């Protein structure tokens, strides 16, 4: 999904011991797109022996989807292995695999990582293969999410009047802003899920959530254009997938929502299946 697929923000860098020389300790060099040219140009960060590097994806997340999910650009003349962990919130961490060094991919399926969960944080820990070099530890140039996704939740009360599915005028600003984010990628699959609270019949809520999805889709098409760059999927859930129990007015408000996920284009997955 282009430039947005790469890690955006440094959360923490704990240089290992022995540490690389100062020239190779600029931790921001691991962010954004890869730009490694040669070992003598310090456009990568060396972790030091057993050092750790934690980054965040801010304009996108990543998921366990078909094929490889992450790509770590470990550069330099030596291949140095590292442990990879991932997190939804930067607090609870899940082991995601080990890279052998060099340009390495990670398939979250290999570690039975749950599907349907969006992760935003990644931690790399050097495994101490080479500790005496001036660039001791794994040398990281970039961290990319192959299965990069954009996720947005919009409160239905902001978009629609009670029990209605025509967009409010004020709602269009929120959707227009979302469209600007989507346009950062050249193509993708836009999944629009509609949710209601439990007031009214199940059938009525299912129909309401479907029509609300269609209203959001029509607005996005009016901005993005009705072309083949973006595919759309509409999934009405009605009251079937509440975030919280429908036992208070406040909780019901949380459950009335439209969730939008932008996935890699269908052609990408069709290519994987063919392979």
Protein backbone atom coordinates (compact mmCIF):
# COMPACT_ATOMS: atom_id res chain seq x y z
CA UNK A 1 0.00 0.00 0.00
CA UNK A 2 2.88 2.35 -0.76
CA UNK A 3 4.56 4.86 1.52
CA UNK A 4 2.10 4.54 4.39
CA UNK A 5 3.12 0.89 4.86
CA UNK A 6 6.29 1.76 6.79
CA UNK A 7 6.79 2.45 10.50
CA UNK A 8 6.23 6.12 11.31
CA UNK A 9 7.25 6.84 14.90
CA UNK A 10 9.98 5.79 17.32
CA UNK A 11 8.62 4.63 20.67
CA UNK A 12 11.79 3.44 22.42
CA UNK A 13 15.39 2.56 21.64
CA UNK A 14 17.49 0.67 24.17
CA UNK A 15 20.96 0.28 22.74
CA UNK A 16 22.66 -3.02 23.62
CA UNK A 17 26.10 -3.68 25.08
CA UNK A 18 28.55 -3.47 23.55
CA UNK A 19 26.98 -0.60 21.68
CA UNK A 20 27.71 0.39 18.07
CA UNK A 21 29.74 3.53 17.56
CA UNK A 22 27.75 6.78 17.79
CA UNK A 23 27.59 7.14 14.00
CA UNK A 24 25.24 4.15 13.82
CA UNK A 25 22.96 4.99 16.77
CA UNK A 26 20.46 7.38 15.12
CA UNK A 27 17.30 5.38 15.85
CA UNK A 28 15.11 7.50 13.55
CA UNK A 29 16.91 5.96 10.59
CA UNK A 30 14.64 2.90 10.88
CA UNK A 31 11.52 4.93 10.05
CA UNK A 32 9.73 5.40 6.73
CA UNK A 33 10.88 3.93 3.43
CA UNK A 34 14.20 2.03 3.06
CA UNK A 35 17.13 4.14 1.90
CA UNK A 36 20.21 1.98 2.57
CA UNK A 37 23.04 2.64 0.12
CA UNK A 38 26.21 1.23 1.68
CA UNK A 39 27.67 0.23 5.02
CA UNK A 40 29.65 3.46 5.44
CA UNK A 41 26.61 5.72 5.10
CA UNK A 42 24.73 5.78 8.43
CA UNK A 43 21.19 5.70 7.06
CA UNK A 44 20.29 2.73 9.29
CA UNK A 45 20.37 2.10 13.05
CA UNK A 46 22.44 -0.59 14.75
CA UNK A 47 20.85 -2.04 17.88
CA UNK A 48 23.93 -3.13 19.77
CA UNK A 49 24.24 -6.60 21.26
CA UNK A 50 20.77 -7.59 22.59
CA UNK A 51 19.47 -4.06 22.04
CA UNK A 52 15.78 -3.35 21.40
CA UNK A 53 13.92 -1.02 19.06
CA UNK A 54 10.18 -0.26 19.35
CA UNK A 55 8.26 1.56 16.63
CA UNK A 56 4.65 2.56 15.95
CA UNK A 57 2.59 2.67 12.77
CA UNK A 58 0.48 5.82 13.08
CA UNK A 59 -1.33 6.24 9.74
CA UNK A 60 -2.06 2.55 9.33
CA UNK A 61 -1.92 -0.78 11.13
CA UNK A 62 -1.22 -4.36 10.08
CA UNK A 63 -3.06 -7.66 10.35
CA UNK A 64 -2.63 -11.38 9.88
CA UNK A 65 -3.91 -11.71 6.31
CA UNK A 66 -3.01 -14.17 3.52
CA UNK A 67 0.71 -14.25 2.68
CA UNK A 68 3.58 -12.51 4.43
CA UNK A 69 2.54 -9.69 6.76
CA UNK A 70 5.74 -7.84 7.72
CA UNK A 71 9.09 -7.12 6.08
CA UNK A 72 12.18 -6.16 8.07
CA UNK A 73 15.05 -4.53 6.19
CA UNK A 74 18.14 -5.73 8.11
CA UNK A 75 21.14 -4.44 6.16
CA UNK A 76 24.93 -4.27 6.24
CA UNK A 77 27.57 -6.87 5.38
CA UNK A 78 26.55 -9.31 8.15
CA UNK A 79 23.27 -11.15 8.69
CA UNK A 80 22.20 -10.65 12.31
CA UNK A 81 19.12 -12.36 13.69
CA UNK A 82 16.46 -10.67 15.81
CA UNK A 83 13.24 -11.47 17.67
CA UNK A 84 10.06 -9.76 16.49
CA UNK A 85 7.14 -8.92 18.80
CA UNK A 86 3.92 -7.07 17.99
CA UNK A 87 1.26 -5.27 20.00
CA UNK A 88 -2.13 -3.60 19.62
CA UNK A 89 -1.46 -1.01 22.32
CA UNK A 90 2.28 -0.99 23.00
CA UNK A 91 1.72 -2.65 26.40
CA UNK A 92 0.82 -6.29 25.79
CA UNK A 93 3.27 -8.01 23.46
CA UNK A 94 2.95 -11.14 21.29
CA UNK A 95 5.87 -13.11 19.87
CA UNK A 96 5.65 -12.93 16.06
CA UNK A 97 8.77 -14.80 14.95
CA UNK A 98 12.50 -14.53 14.43
CA UNK A 99 14.30 -13.11 11.41
CA UNK A 100 17.60 -14.59 10.30
CA UNK A 101 19.00 -11.26 9.14
CA UNK A 102 19.05 -9.63 5.75
CA UNK A 103 15.77 -8.63 4.15
CA UNK A 104 13.35 -10.87 6.03
CA UNK A 105 9.61 -11.44 5.90
CA UNK A 106 7.28 -12.48 8.72
CA UNK A 107 4.08 -14.45 8.21
CA UNK A 108 1.97 -14.02 11.34
CA UNK A 109 0.18 -17.26 10.52
CA UNK A 110 3.36 -19.15 11.45
CA UNK A 111 2.83 -18.17 15.10
CA UNK A 112 -0.97 -18.58 14.98
CA UNK A 113 -1.54 -14.86 15.46
CA UNK A 114 -5.26 -14.09 15.55
CA UNK A 115 -6.86 -12.80 12.38
CA UNK A 116 -9.15 -9.79 12.55
CA UNK A 117 -6.88 -7.97 15.04
CA UNK A 118 -5.14 -4.76 13.98
CA UNK A 119 -1.65 -4.19 15.40
CA UNK A 120 0.15 -0.84 15.56
CA UNK A 121 3.40 -1.53 17.44
CA UNK A 122 6.45 -3.65 16.64
CA UNK A 123 9.52 -4.45 18.74
CA UNK A 124 12.83 -5.81 17.44
CA UNK A 125 15.34 -7.42 19.84
CA UNK A 126 18.83 -8.28 18.63
CA UNK A 127 19.82 -11.88 19.43
CA UNK A 128 23.54 -11.24 19.90
CA UNK A 129 25.00 -12.86 16.77
CA UNK A 130 27.73 -10.28 16.21
CA UNK A 131 28.75 -8.13 19.19
CA UNK A 132 32.23 -6.88 18.34
CA UNK A 133 31.57 -4.90 15.17
CA UNK A 134 31.56 -1.08 15.08
CA UNK A 135 27.91 -1.52 14.06
CA UNK A 136 27.20 -4.19 16.69
CA UNK A 137 23.76 -5.77 16.62
CA UNK A 138 21.14 -6.00 13.91
CA UNK A 139 21.22 -3.06 11.47
CA UNK A 140 17.68 -1.86 10.70
CA UNK A 141 16.97 0.34 7.70
CA UNK A 142 13.15 0.09 7.53
CA UNK A 143 10.15 -1.86 8.85
CA UNK A 144 7.29 -2.42 6.43
CA UNK A 145 3.78 -3.81 6.82
CA UNK A 146 3.02 -5.87 3.72
CA UNK A 147 -0.54 -6.43 4.89
CA UNK A 148 -1.03 -2.81 5.83
CA UNK A 149 -4.55 -1.64 6.70
CA UNK A 150 -6.29 1.64 7.50
CA UNK A 151 -9.03 1.43 10.13
CA UNK A 152 -11.51 4.12 11.18
CA UNK A 153 -14.59 3.95 13.44
CA UNK A 154 -17.24 6.64 13.01
CA UNK A 155 -20.01 7.05 15.57
CA UNK A 156 -23.39 6.63 13.93
CA UNK A 157 -24.80 9.53 15.96
CA UNK A 158 -22.32 11.82 14.23
CA UNK A 159 -23.30 10.53 10.79
CA UNK A 160 -27.05 9.98 11.04
CA UNK A 161 -30.17 11.09 12.87
CA UNK A 162 -31.89 8.51 15.07
CA UNK A 163 -33.17 5.51 13.04
CA UNK A 164 -32.20 7.28 9.78
CA UNK A 165 -29.65 6.41 7.11
CA UNK A 166 -29.30 9.64 5.13
CA UNK A 167 -26.06 11.40 6.01
CA UNK A 168 -26.21 14.61 8.00
CA UNK A 169 -24.54 17.60 6.38
CA UNK A 170 -22.09 17.72 9.28
CA UNK A 171 -21.22 14.03 8.71
CA UNK A 172 -19.82 14.73 5.29
CA UNK A 173 -16.82 16.51 6.81
CA UNK A 174 -15.82 13.34 8.68
CA UNK A 175 -16.15 11.18 5.57
CA UNK A 176 -14.32 13.71 3.41
CA UNK A 177 -11.42 13.62 5.88
CA UNK A 178 -11.41 9.82 5.72
CA UNK A 179 -11.32 9.96 1.94
CA UNK A 180 -8.17 12.10 2.09
CA UNK A 181 -6.51 9.33 4.13
CA UNK A 182 -7.67 6.63 1.71
CA UNK A 183 -6.24 8.58 -1.22
CA UNK A 184 -2.76 8.06 0.23
CA UNK A 185 -2.92 4.58 -1.30
CA UNK A 186 -3.33 4.03 -5.03
CA UNK A 187 -5.74 1.12 -4.71
CA UNK A 188 -7.38 -1.03 -2.07
CA UNK A 189 -10.47 -2.81 -0.84
CA UNK A 190 -12.72 -0.63 1.33
CA UNK A 191 -14.76 -2.70 3.79
CA UNK A 192 -17.69 -0.83 5.36
CA UNK A 193 -19.34 -2.47 8.39
CA UNK A 194 -22.55 -1.17 9.93
CA UNK A 195 -23.55 -1.67 13.58
CA UNK A 196 -26.59 -0.67 15.64
CA UNK A 197 -27.71 -0.98 19.24
CA UNK A 198 -30.36 -3.53 20.26
CA UNK A 199 -33.38 -1.17 20.26
CA UNK A 200 -36.01 -2.33 17.76
CA UNK A 201 -36.24 -5.67 15.98
CA UNK A 202 -33.23 -7.56 14.69
CA UNK A 203 -34.55 -7.36 11.12
CA UNK A 204 -35.03 -3.60 11.32
CA UNK A 205 -31.52 -3.09 12.71
CA UNK A 206 -29.98 -5.25 10.00
CA UNK A 207 -31.72 -3.23 7.30
CA UNK A 208 -30.75 0.06 8.97
CA UNK A 209 -27.09 -0.90 9.20
CA UNK A 210 -27.09 -1.99 5.54
CA UNK A 211 -28.55 1.30 4.37
CA UNK A 212 -26.11 3.28 6.49
CA UNK A 213 -23.21 1.37 4.92
CA UNK A 214 -24.56 2.19 1.47
CA UNK A 215 -24.83 5.89 2.33
CA UNK A 216 -21.18 5.98 3.43
CA UNK A 217 -20.15 4.05 0.31
CA UNK A 218 -21.99 6.48 -1.97
CA UNK A 219 -20.30 9.45 -0.32
CA UNK A 220 -16.85 7.87 -0.68
CA UNK A 221 -17.49 7.07 -4.35
CA UNK A 222 -18.52 10.68 -4.94
CA UNK A 223 -15.11 11.78 -3.64
CA UNK A 224 -12.80 8.97 -4.77
CA UNK A 225 -14.49 8.42 -8.11
CA UNK A 226 -16.27 5.36 -9.43
CA UNK A 227 -13.22 3.63 -10.86
CA UNK A 228 -11.44 0.31 -10.54
CA UNK A 229 -8.78 1.58 -8.10
CA UNK A 230 -10.99 0.80 -5.11
CA UNK A 231 -13.29 -2.14 -4.46
CA UNK A 232 -16.07 -1.91 -1.88
CA UNK A 233 -17.52 -4.51 0.45
CA UNK A 234 -20.64 -3.82 2.51
CA UNK A 235 -21.16 -5.88 5.70
CA UNK A 236 -24.24 -5.03 7.78
CA UNK A 237 -24.14 -6.55 11.26
CA UNK A 238 -27.10 -4.80 12.82
CA UNK A 239 -27.06 -5.55 16.55
CA UNK A 240 -25.07 -8.79 16.24
CA UNK A 241 -21.57 -7.48 17.12
CA UNK A 242 -21.83 -4.98 20.00
CA UNK A 243 -18.61 -3.52 21.41
CA UNK A 244 -20.16 -3.34 24.87
CA UNK A 245 -23.41 -4.60 26.45
CA UNK A 246 -26.51 -2.69 25.38
CA UNK A 247 -27.47 -1.96 28.98
CA UNK A 248 -27.08 1.84 29.20
CA UNK A 249 -27.67 4.78 26.88
CA UNK A 250 -23.94 5.46 26.86
CA UNK A 251 -23.12 1.89 25.83
CA UNK A 252 -25.79 1.92 23.15
CA UNK A 253 -24.17 5.03 21.70
CA UNK A 254 -20.83 3.20 21.48
CA UNK A 255 -22.47 0.31 19.65
CA UNK A 256 -24.07 2.54 17.02
CA UNK A 257 -21.16 2.90 14.62
CA UNK A 258 -19.75 2.44 11.14
CA UNK A 259 -16.35 0.76 10.93
CA UNK A 260 -14.25 1.23 7.80
CA UNK A 261 -11.19 -0.87 6.97
CA UNK A 262 -9.01 -0.33 3.91
CA UNK A 263 -7.22 -3.55 2.91
CA UNK A 264 -4.67 -4.24 0.16
CA UNK A 265 -6.30 -4.64 -3.28
CA UNK A 266 -7.96 -7.91 -4.22
CA UNK A 267 -5.48 -8.43 -7.06
CA UNK A 268 -2.71 -8.84 -4.49
CA UNK A 269 -4.45 -11.75 -2.77
CA UNK A 270 -5.51 -13.30 -6.08
CA UNK A 271 -1.80 -13.38 -7.01
CA UNK A 272 -0.96 -15.15 -3.74
CA UNK A 273 -3.63 -17.79 -4.29
CA UNK A 274 -2.34 -18.46 -7.80
CA UNK A 275 1.17 -18.95 -6.48
